[in-house]
């Protein structure tokens, strides 16, 4: 469902929305993607008001009902409800509203969707193919290999990967200092294969692409600028599709795979939480559902009393 354009908002509502998005960006340190999502949802929820003080529970319920009627799923309605609660609480704190109309707003429980996760042997086959493709030390192929190795080897987000600078890489210690959601910094570790890919990229790939104007980014595009996350997504999809039978996933699918394969290998849930940069353990626990689902399949296939 498309959000309402800003010209559907009265001047005081538009000003409140601008102030709120600035609050998210500068005071709460939310990512540009999160700020855009809040703005889009709220522009729709606030449309049709005669002024900010006219915002009430009935208006919010009508707008959310319209969202559902337009075909949006429960997850979208739940997300917009959360946006309304956050905005209204902020509006009360800043004196724009004298009461919180979203305090009694109900929210549908978003359905739990298990992520699409390639099996460990599929992922290994993809990485083997990418390693073979980088054997001629082509700079772009070396970069693509490092993209795949770090996304799967560390579970970091694609934006975090593309945002890495050289000084955030500790090659001898095989660690990365990653700045994630909410501007939170964490340290992640990577294994020997990713370490080999890193050294090859730094020796033969990056110097061939870098220009005097290149930033201090770890990963560069073909013109010497910082690698765009959209290019990284294309790299991952292309690599997955090149191997027959492999599950076609993007960078987030490799993040899911890293978490799932760690848990299947016996990693502690809190370690995985720290590695992925989840603020709460409940987010990480999604992956326990994935591993239990796989255990059930194995049990059904292999146990004589299944």
Protein backbone atom coordinates (compact mmCIF):
# COMPACT_ATOMS: atom_id res chain seq x y z
CA UNK A 1 0.00 0.00 0.00
CA UNK A 2 1.48 3.34 -1.04
CA UNK A 3 1.94 5.94 1.65
CA UNK A 4 0.23 9.31 1.52
CA UNK A 5 2.28 12.08 -0.10
CA UNK A 6 3.25 14.99 2.13
CA UNK A 7 0.85 17.35 0.31
CA UNK A 8 -2.02 15.40 1.95
CA UNK A 9 -0.80 16.65 5.34
CA UNK A 10 -1.64 20.01 6.87
CA UNK A 11 1.36 22.28 7.60
CA UNK A 12 1.39 21.58 11.35
CA UNK A 13 1.09 17.80 10.81
CA UNK A 14 3.89 17.89 8.22
CA UNK A 15 6.05 19.92 10.61
CA UNK A 16 5.44 17.42 13.41
CA UNK A 17 6.39 14.55 11.10
CA UNK A 18 9.61 16.35 10.10
CA UNK A 19 10.50 16.99 13.75
CA UNK A 20 9.82 13.36 14.65
CA UNK A 21 11.99 11.98 11.84
CA UNK A 22 14.78 14.36 12.89
CA UNK A 23 14.39 13.02 16.44
CA UNK A 24 14.74 9.44 15.16
CA UNK A 25 17.77 10.32 13.07
CA UNK A 26 19.75 12.53 15.43
CA UNK A 27 18.64 11.66 18.97
CA UNK A 28 17.85 7.98 18.67
CA UNK A 29 20.45 7.15 16.02
CA UNK A 30 18.09 5.17 13.81
CA UNK A 31 19.34 4.07 10.39
CA UNK A 32 18.25 5.94 7.24
CA UNK A 33 16.23 2.85 6.22
CA UNK A 34 14.34 2.86 9.55
CA UNK A 35 13.69 6.60 9.37
CA UNK A 36 12.29 6.25 5.83
CA UNK A 37 10.02 3.39 6.94
CA UNK A 38 8.66 5.40 9.90
CA UNK A 39 8.10 8.45 7.70
CA UNK A 40 6.27 6.46 5.05
CA UNK A 41 4.00 4.71 7.57
CA UNK A 42 3.22 7.88 9.50
CA UNK A 43 2.55 9.97 6.40
CA UNK A 44 -0.26 7.54 5.63
CA UNK A 45 -1.54 7.30 9.21
CA UNK A 46 -1.62 11.08 9.65
CA UNK A 47 -3.28 11.88 6.33
CA UNK A 48 -6.73 13.44 6.41
CA UNK A 49 -6.25 15.24 9.73
CA UNK A 50 -7.38 18.85 10.04
CA UNK A 51 -4.45 19.43 12.39
CA UNK A 52 -2.15 17.56 14.75
CA UNK A 53 -4.48 18.09 17.73
CA UNK A 54 -7.25 16.28 15.83
CA UNK A 55 -5.32 13.00 16.05
CA UNK A 56 -7.36 10.55 18.10
CA UNK A 57 -7.88 6.82 18.56
CA UNK A 58 -10.76 6.65 16.04
CA UNK A 59 -8.63 8.22 13.30
CA UNK A 60 -5.77 5.79 13.89
CA UNK A 61 -8.15 2.81 13.86
CA UNK A 62 -9.72 4.00 10.58
CA UNK A 63 -6.34 4.40 8.91
CA UNK A 64 -5.12 1.00 10.11
CA UNK A 65 -8.37 -0.64 8.96
CA UNK A 66 -7.85 0.95 5.54
CA UNK A 67 -4.31 -0.45 5.48
CA UNK A 68 -5.66 -3.95 6.13
CA UNK A 69 -8.50 -3.55 3.60
CA UNK A 70 -5.97 -2.55 0.94
CA UNK A 71 -4.43 -6.01 1.25
CA UNK A 72 -1.58 -5.37 3.67
CA UNK A 73 -0.56 -8.31 5.84
CA UNK A 74 -0.52 -8.53 9.61
CA UNK A 75 3.16 -7.68 9.76
CA UNK A 76 2.56 -4.37 7.94
CA UNK A 77 -0.38 -3.44 10.17
CA UNK A 78 1.65 -4.35 13.27
CA UNK A 79 4.57 -2.23 12.05
CA UNK A 80 2.32 0.79 11.42
CA UNK A 81 0.70 0.35 14.81
CA UNK A 82 4.13 0.41 16.43
CA UNK A 83 5.00 3.56 14.45
CA UNK A 84 1.80 5.23 15.68
CA UNK A 85 2.59 4.36 19.31
CA UNK A 86 6.13 5.70 19.07
CA UNK A 87 5.01 8.92 17.34
CA UNK A 88 2.14 9.62 19.74
CA UNK A 89 4.29 9.05 22.82
CA UNK A 90 6.86 11.49 21.38
CA UNK A 91 4.13 14.03 20.52
CA UNK A 92 2.89 13.99 24.13
CA UNK A 93 6.43 14.41 25.50
CA UNK A 94 7.06 17.37 23.21
CA UNK A 95 3.73 19.07 24.00
CA UNK A 96 2.16 18.59 20.58
CA UNK A 97 -0.60 16.41 22.04
CA UNK A 98 -2.13 16.62 25.50
CA UNK A 99 -2.95 12.89 25.63
CA UNK A 100 -1.74 9.72 23.92
CA UNK A 101 -4.39 8.47 21.44
CA UNK A 102 -2.36 5.34 20.64
CA UNK A 103 -2.15 4.11 24.25
CA UNK A 104 -5.21 1.86 23.76
CA UNK A 105 -4.43 0.89 20.19
CA UNK A 106 -4.54 -2.86 19.66
CA UNK A 107 -1.99 -4.58 17.47
CA UNK A 108 -2.24 -7.82 15.49
CA UNK A 109 0.45 -10.33 16.28
CA UNK A 110 2.71 -10.60 13.27
CA UNK A 111 2.95 -14.13 11.92
CA UNK A 112 6.29 -15.81 12.45
CA UNK A 113 7.82 -16.48 9.05
CA UNK A 114 10.73 -18.89 9.04
CA UNK A 115 13.56 -17.52 6.94
CA UNK A 116 14.61 -19.29 3.76
CA UNK A 117 17.98 -20.81 4.68
CA UNK A 118 20.37 -22.68 2.37
CA UNK A 119 21.80 -25.87 3.84
CA UNK A 120 25.43 -25.89 4.94
CA UNK A 121 26.50 -28.09 2.02
CA UNK A 122 24.72 -25.77 -0.45
CA UNK A 123 26.51 -22.76 0.98
CA UNK A 124 29.84 -24.60 0.84
CA UNK A 125 29.25 -25.47 -2.82
CA UNK A 126 28.51 -21.84 -3.64
CA UNK A 127 31.65 -20.63 -1.87
CA UNK A 128 33.76 -23.30 -3.60
CA UNK A 129 32.46 -22.08 -6.97
CA UNK A 130 33.23 -18.44 -6.11
CA UNK A 131 36.74 -19.42 -4.94
CA UNK A 132 37.33 -21.20 -8.25
CA UNK A 133 36.13 -18.11 -10.12
CA UNK A 134 38.63 -15.94 -8.26
CA UNK A 135 41.64 -18.11 -9.08
CA UNK A 136 42.85 -15.74 -11.81
CA UNK A 137 43.04 -12.89 -9.26
CA UNK A 138 40.54 -10.75 -11.17
CA UNK A 139 39.94 -7.78 -8.82
CA UNK A 140 36.15 -7.90 -9.06
CA UNK A 141 36.09 -11.67 -8.52
CA UNK A 142 38.33 -11.29 -5.46
CA UNK A 143 36.01 -8.65 -4.05
CA UNK A 144 32.94 -10.80 -4.67
CA UNK A 145 34.60 -13.72 -2.90
CA UNK A 146 35.29 -11.53 0.14
CA UNK A 147 31.68 -10.30 0.13
CA UNK A 148 30.37 -13.89 0.25
CA UNK A 149 32.92 -15.07 2.83
CA UNK A 150 32.29 -12.18 5.22
CA UNK A 151 28.50 -12.18 4.94
CA UNK A 152 28.31 -15.90 5.65
CA UNK A 153 31.34 -16.08 7.96
CA UNK A 154 30.20 -13.29 10.28
CA UNK A 155 26.44 -12.93 9.79
CA UNK A 156 26.73 -9.15 9.46
CA UNK A 157 24.14 -7.10 7.57
CA UNK A 158 24.93 -6.00 4.03
CA UNK A 159 24.84 -2.32 5.03
CA UNK A 160 27.28 -3.06 7.85
CA UNK A 161 29.59 -4.85 5.43
CA UNK A 162 29.57 -2.04 2.87
CA UNK A 163 30.05 0.52 5.64
CA UNK A 164 33.31 -1.04 6.86
CA UNK A 165 36.49 1.01 6.64
CA UNK A 166 39.99 -0.43 6.58
CA UNK A 167 40.75 0.68 10.15
CA UNK A 168 37.83 -1.44 11.40
CA UNK A 169 39.52 -4.63 10.21
CA UNK A 170 41.92 -6.47 12.53
CA UNK A 171 43.44 -8.95 10.13
CA UNK A 172 45.82 -10.73 12.57
CA UNK A 173 43.05 -11.07 15.16
CA UNK A 174 40.48 -11.96 12.48
CA UNK A 175 37.89 -9.52 13.83
CA UNK A 176 35.77 -6.66 12.48
CA UNK A 177 34.45 -3.68 14.42
CA UNK A 178 30.96 -3.25 13.01
CA UNK A 179 28.62 -0.30 13.50
CA UNK A 180 25.07 -1.61 13.39
CA UNK A 181 21.52 -0.52 14.10
CA UNK A 182 21.08 2.29 16.59
CA UNK A 183 24.73 3.22 15.95
CA UNK A 184 25.73 0.35 18.25
CA UNK A 185 29.24 -0.99 17.74
CA UNK A 186 30.15 -4.64 18.16
CA UNK A 187 33.06 -6.92 17.36
CA UNK A 188 32.56 -9.95 15.13
CA UNK A 189 35.02 -12.69 14.30
CA UNK A 190 35.72 -14.37 10.97
CA UNK A 191 37.39 -17.65 10.12
CA UNK A 192 40.42 -18.75 8.14
CA UNK A 193 38.70 -18.91 4.69
CA UNK A 194 37.45 -15.32 5.05
CA UNK A 195 40.94 -14.35 6.24
CA UNK A 196 42.46 -15.81 3.07
CA UNK A 197 39.91 -13.98 0.91
CA UNK A 198 40.68 -10.75 2.77
CA UNK A 199 44.43 -11.05 2.18
CA UNK A 200 43.95 -11.77 -1.54
CA UNK A 201 41.63 -8.76 -1.88
CA UNK A 202 44.03 -6.45 -0.07
CA UNK A 203 47.04 -7.71 -2.05
CA UNK A 204 45.63 -8.05 -5.56
CA UNK A 205 42.07 -6.72 -5.70
CA UNK A 206 41.69 -3.44 -3.91
CA UNK A 207 44.94 -1.85 -5.20
CA UNK A 208 43.82 -2.54 -8.78
CA UNK A 209 40.45 -0.80 -8.27
CA UNK A 210 41.34 2.01 -5.86
CA UNK A 211 41.89 5.53 -7.20
CA UNK A 212 43.41 8.60 -5.51
CA UNK A 213 39.84 9.69 -4.73
CA UNK A 214 38.76 6.36 -3.22
CA UNK A 215 37.48 6.42 0.37
CA UNK A 216 39.04 4.31 3.12
CA UNK A 217 36.32 1.71 2.56
CA UNK A 218 37.26 -1.95 2.80
CA UNK A 219 35.13 -2.84 -0.24
CA UNK A 220 35.12 -0.79 -3.43
CA UNK A 221 32.99 -0.70 -6.55
CA UNK A 222 34.51 -1.01 -9.99
CA UNK A 223 34.91 2.79 -10.24
CA UNK A 224 36.74 3.05 -6.95
CA UNK A 225 33.91 4.28 -4.76
CA UNK A 226 32.49 2.53 -1.69
CA UNK A 227 30.65 -0.65 -2.64
CA UNK A 228 26.90 -0.07 -2.86
CA UNK A 229 24.73 -2.55 -0.89
CA UNK A 230 22.62 -3.05 -4.02
CA UNK A 231 25.70 -4.28 -5.89
CA UNK A 232 26.52 -6.62 -2.99
CA UNK A 233 22.99 -8.06 -3.19
CA UNK A 234 23.45 -8.69 -6.90
CA UNK A 235 26.77 -10.41 -6.18
CA UNK A 236 25.14 -12.80 -3.69
CA UNK A 237 22.13 -13.65 -5.88
CA UNK A 238 24.39 -14.24 -8.88
CA UNK A 239 26.61 -16.59 -6.90
CA UNK A 240 23.68 -18.56 -5.48
CA UNK A 241 21.99 -18.94 -8.88
CA UNK A 242 25.21 -20.16 -10.49
CA UNK A 243 25.16 -23.40 -8.47
CA UNK A 244 22.43 -25.85 -9.53
CA UNK A 245 20.13 -26.78 -6.66
CA UNK A 246 21.32 -24.00 -4.33
CA UNK A 247 18.66 -21.93 -2.57
CA UNK A 248 18.58 -18.46 -4.15
CA UNK A 249 18.97 -16.03 -1.27
CA UNK A 250 20.43 -12.56 -0.87
CA UNK A 251 22.71 -11.16 1.83
CA UNK A 252 20.01 -11.47 4.49
CA UNK A 253 19.63 -15.13 3.58
CA UNK A 254 23.35 -15.64 4.22
CA UNK A 255 22.89 -13.90 7.59
CA UNK A 256 20.09 -16.34 8.38
CA UNK A 257 22.31 -19.20 7.24
CA UNK A 258 25.20 -18.09 9.47
CA UNK A 259 22.94 -17.99 12.53
CA UNK A 260 21.20 -21.26 11.76
CA UNK A 261 24.37 -23.20 11.02
CA UNK A 262 26.02 -21.86 14.18
CA UNK A 263 23.11 -23.05 16.31
CA UNK A 264 23.01 -26.41 14.53
CA UNK A 265 26.72 -26.72 15.32
CA UNK A 266 26.08 -26.19 19.03
CA UNK A 267 26.76 -22.45 19.44
CA UNK A 268 25.25 -20.73 22.48
CA UNK A 269 22.20 -18.60 21.67
CA UNK A 270 23.64 -15.55 23.42
CA UNK A 271 26.83 -15.79 21.39
CA UNK A 272 24.75 -15.75 18.22
CA UNK A 273 22.80 -12.77 19.59
CA UNK A 274 26.04 -10.84 20.11
CA UNK A 275 27.42 -11.83 16.71
CA UNK A 276 24.29 -10.70 14.86
CA UNK A 277 23.90 -7.52 16.90
CA UNK A 278 20.34 -8.24 18.04
CA UNK A 279 19.13 -5.92 20.78
CA UNK A 280 17.02 -8.66 22.37
CA UNK A 281 17.38 -12.41 22.63
CA UNK A 282 13.82 -12.93 21.38
CA UNK A 283 14.91 -11.84 17.87
CA UNK A 284 17.71 -14.41 17.84
CA UNK A 285 15.34 -17.12 19.06
CA UNK A 286 13.67 -17.12 15.64
CA UNK A 287 16.57 -19.26 14.47
CA UNK A 288 15.84 -21.91 17.09
CA UNK A 289 12.54 -22.50 15.29
CA UNK A 290 14.47 -23.08 12.08
CA UNK A 291 16.78 -25.63 13.66
CA UNK A 292 13.90 -27.44 15.39
CA UNK A 293 12.08 -27.56 12.06
CA UNK A 294 15.12 -29.23 10.48
CA UNK A 295 15.46 -31.64 13.39
CA UNK A 296 11.88 -32.74 12.82
CA UNK A 297 12.63 -33.46 9.15
CA UNK A 298 15.71 -35.49 10.05
CA UNK A 299 13.78 -37.36 12.76
CA UNK A 300 10.92 -38.19 10.38
CA UNK A 301 13.35 -39.48 7.76
CA UNK A 302 15.74 -41.40 9.99
CA UNK A 303 14.11 -42.55 13.23
CA UNK A 304 12.50 -46.02 13.12
CA UNK A 305 9.73 -44.85 15.47
CA UNK A 306 9.04 -41.55 13.70
